[in-house]
Amino acid sequence: GLGVGLALLVGFFVAGFFVGTRVNAAPMLHGLGMGGLSLVVWFGLNLVVGSAAAGNPWDTLQAGAVVGLLALQTAAAIVGARAGVRFARRASTIAG
């Protein structure tokens, strides 16, 4: 429920912030890449592990919940990456 959404929000914001401070460019692209990679990993795990587990793994979460969580984590990664880029640029102008 709410705890999962909050964990995704905080985790992807922090990861996006870290990426933004390291790369210092294209925060939107890096945030979308993080969201896309998590979609690929989720799909691959459902194919590999889901076929070995009992039951149908595609029925575990409702489609609307999956889309909402993926949108939340992608948006959090983009905002975090943007904040990281702004932080890195501000730190470089203060130091330089």
C-alpha atoms as a PDB file:
ATOM      1  CA  GLY A   1       0.000   0.000   0.000  1.00  0.00           C
ATOM      2  CA  LEU A   2       1.222   3.370   1.094  1.00  0.00           C
ATOM      3  CA  GLY A   3       4.490   2.025   2.506  1.00  0.00           C
ATOM      4  CA  VAL A   4       5.465   0.522  -0.850  1.00  0.00           C
ATOM      5  CA  GLY A   5       4.751   3.773  -2.651  1.00  0.00           C
ATOM      6  CA  LEU A   6       6.708   5.792  -0.101  1.00  0.00           C
ATOM      7  CA  ALA A   7       9.665   3.390  -0.294  1.00  0.00           C
ATOM      8  CA  LEU A   8       9.704   3.629  -4.101  1.00  0.00           C
ATOM      9  CA  LEU A   9       9.435   7.412  -3.955  1.00  0.00           C
ATOM     10  CA  VAL A  10      12.305   7.852  -1.503  1.00  0.00           C
ATOM     11  CA  GLY A  11      14.495   5.146  -3.040  1.00  0.00           C
ATOM     12  CA  PHE A  12      14.230   6.347  -6.612  1.00  0.00           C
ATOM     13  CA  PHE A  13      14.602   9.998  -5.583  1.00  0.00           C
ATOM     14  CA  VAL A  14      17.841   9.199  -3.749  1.00  0.00           C
ATOM     15  CA  ALA A  15      19.109   7.045  -6.620  1.00  0.00           C
ATOM     16  CA  GLY A  16      18.214   9.769  -9.117  1.00  0.00           C
ATOM     17  CA  PHE A  17      19.963  12.359  -6.953  1.00  0.00           C
ATOM     18  CA  PHE A  18      23.103  10.199  -6.863  1.00  0.00           C
ATOM     19  CA  VAL A  19      23.034   9.726 -10.641  1.00  0.00           C
ATOM     20  CA  GLY A  20      22.437  13.439 -11.160  1.00  0.00           C
ATOM     21  CA  THR A  21      25.416  14.445  -9.041  1.00  0.00           C
ATOM     22  CA  ARG A  22      27.690  11.950 -10.798  1.00  0.00           C
ATOM     23  CA  VAL A  23      26.639  12.548 -14.401  1.00  0.00           C
ATOM     24  CA  ASN A  24      25.717  16.244 -14.108  1.00  0.00           C
ATOM     25  CA  ALA A  25      23.790  16.190 -17.416  1.00  0.00           C
ATOM     26  CA  ALA A  26      20.465  15.090 -18.933  1.00  0.00           C
ATOM     27  CA  PRO A  27      18.434  14.419 -15.761  1.00  0.00           C
ATOM     28  CA  MET A  28      15.234  13.675 -17.671  1.00  0.00           C
ATOM     29  CA  LEU A  29      16.962  11.085 -19.846  1.00  0.00           C
ATOM     30  CA  HIS A  30      18.631   9.384 -16.894  1.00  0.00           C
ATOM     31  CA  GLY A  31      15.394   9.327 -14.891  1.00  0.00           C
ATOM     32  CA  LEU A  32      13.507   7.793 -17.810  1.00  0.00           C
ATOM     33  CA  GLY A  33      16.316   5.274 -18.231  1.00  0.00           C
ATOM     34  CA  MET A  34      16.029   4.241 -14.588  1.00  0.00           C
ATOM     35  CA  GLY A  35      12.280   3.783 -14.924  1.00  0.00           C
ATOM     36  CA  GLY A  36      12.671   1.864 -18.196  1.00  0.00           C
ATOM     37  CA  LEU A  37      15.318  -0.412 -16.735  1.00  0.00           C
ATOM     38  CA  SER A  38      13.100  -1.267 -13.782  1.00  0.00           C
ATOM     39  CA  LEU A  39      10.293  -2.114 -16.216  1.00  0.00           C
ATOM     40  CA  VAL A  40      12.599  -4.469 -18.141  1.00  0.00           C
ATOM     41  CA  VAL A  41      13.826  -6.096 -14.905  1.00  0.00           C
ATOM     42  CA  TRP A  42      10.249  -6.527 -13.638  1.00  0.00           C
ATOM     43  CA  PHE A  43       9.181  -8.109 -16.924  1.00  0.00           C
ATOM     44  CA  GLY A  44      12.218 -10.414 -17.036  1.00  0.00           C
ATOM     45  CA  LEU A  45      11.787 -11.555 -13.442  1.00  0.00           C
ATOM     46  CA  ASN A  46       8.131 -12.342 -14.072  1.00  0.00           C
ATOM     47  CA  LEU A  47       9.116 -14.466 -17.051  1.00  0.00           C
ATOM     48  CA  VAL A  48      11.989 -16.325 -15.390  1.00  0.00           C
ATOM     49  CA  VAL A  49      10.999 -16.638 -11.745  1.00  0.00           C
ATOM     50  CA  GLY A  50       7.262 -16.448 -12.284  1.00  0.00           C
ATOM     51  CA  SER A  51       7.148 -19.566 -14.416  1.00  0.00           C
ATOM     52  CA  ALA A  52       8.905 -21.550 -11.677  1.00  0.00           C
ATOM     53  CA  ALA A  53       6.613 -20.260  -8.910  1.00  0.00           C
ATOM     54  CA  ALA A  54       3.172 -21.658  -8.275  1.00  0.00           C
ATOM     55  CA  GLY A  55       0.327 -19.622  -9.687  1.00  0.00           C
ATOM     56  CA  ASN A  56       0.268 -16.883 -12.260  1.00  0.00           C
ATOM     57  CA  PRO A  57       2.701 -14.042 -11.383  1.00  0.00           C
ATOM     58  CA  TRP A  58       0.958 -11.605 -13.717  1.00  0.00           C
ATOM     59  CA  ASP A  59      -2.138 -11.636 -11.466  1.00  0.00           C
ATOM     60  CA  THR A  60      -0.299 -10.632  -8.279  1.00  0.00           C
ATOM     61  CA  LEU A  61      -0.738  -6.875  -8.823  1.00  0.00           C
ATOM     62  CA  GLN A  62      -3.487  -5.092 -10.684  1.00  0.00           C
ATOM     63  CA  ALA A  63      -2.444  -3.429 -13.928  1.00  0.00           C
ATOM     64  CA  GLY A  64      -3.408   0.030 -12.671  1.00  0.00           C
ATOM     65  CA  ALA A  65      -1.256  -0.387  -9.560  1.00  0.00           C
ATOM     66  CA  VAL A  66       1.730  -1.491 -11.652  1.00  0.00           C
ATOM     67  CA  VAL A  67       1.394   1.470 -14.023  1.00  0.00           C
ATOM     68  CA  GLY A  68       0.992   3.850 -11.088  1.00  0.00           C
ATOM     69  CA  LEU A  69       4.064   2.511  -9.276  1.00  0.00           C
ATOM     70  CA  LEU A  70       6.172   2.625 -12.444  1.00  0.00           C
ATOM     71  CA  ALA A  71       5.084   6.213 -13.094  1.00  0.00           C
ATOM     72  CA  LEU A  72       5.828   7.136  -9.473  1.00  0.00           C
ATOM     73  CA  GLN A  73       9.325   5.686  -9.522  1.00  0.00           C
ATOM     74  CA  THR A  74      10.133   7.219 -12.908  1.00  0.00           C
ATOM     75  CA  ALA A  75       8.930  10.651 -11.783  1.00  0.00           C
ATOM     76  CA  ALA A  76      10.879  10.349  -8.515  1.00  0.00           C
ATOM     77  CA  ALA A  77      14.034   9.392 -10.440  1.00  0.00           C
ATOM     78  CA  ILE A  78      13.624  12.369 -12.786  1.00  0.00           C
ATOM     79  CA  VAL A  79      13.051  14.821  -9.936  1.00  0.00           C
ATOM     80  CA  GLY A  80      15.958  13.336  -7.978  1.00  0.00           C
ATOM     81  CA  ALA A  81      18.278  13.501 -10.982  1.00  0.00           C
ATOM     82  CA  ARG A  82      17.271  17.116 -11.614  1.00  0.00           C
ATOM     83  CA  ALA A  83      17.926  17.986  -7.972  1.00  0.00           C
ATOM     84  CA  GLY A  84      21.286  16.207  -8.157  1.00  0.00           C
ATOM     85  CA  VAL A  85      22.320  18.108 -11.278  1.00  0.00           C
ATOM     86  CA  ARG A  86      21.322  21.422  -9.699  1.00  0.00           C
ATOM     87  CA  PHE A  87      23.208  20.518  -6.518  1.00  0.00           C
ATOM     88  CA  ALA A  88      26.353  19.531  -8.437  1.00  0.00           C
ATOM     89  CA  ARG A  89      26.293  22.670 -10.558  1.00  0.00           C
ATOM     90  CA  ARG A  90      25.762  24.907  -7.550  1.00  0.00           C
ATOM     91  CA  ALA A  91      28.599  23.188  -5.681  1.00  0.00           C
ATOM     92  CA  SER A  92      30.951  23.595  -8.651  1.00  0.00           C
ATOM     93  CA  THR A  93      30.191  27.324  -8.975  1.00  0.00           C
ATOM     94  CA  ILE A  94      30.703  27.906  -5.254  1.00  0.00           C
ATOM     95  CA  ALA A  95      34.020  26.008  -5.247  1.00  0.00           C
ATOM     96  CA  GLY A  96      35.299  27.456  -8.484  1.00  0.00           C
END
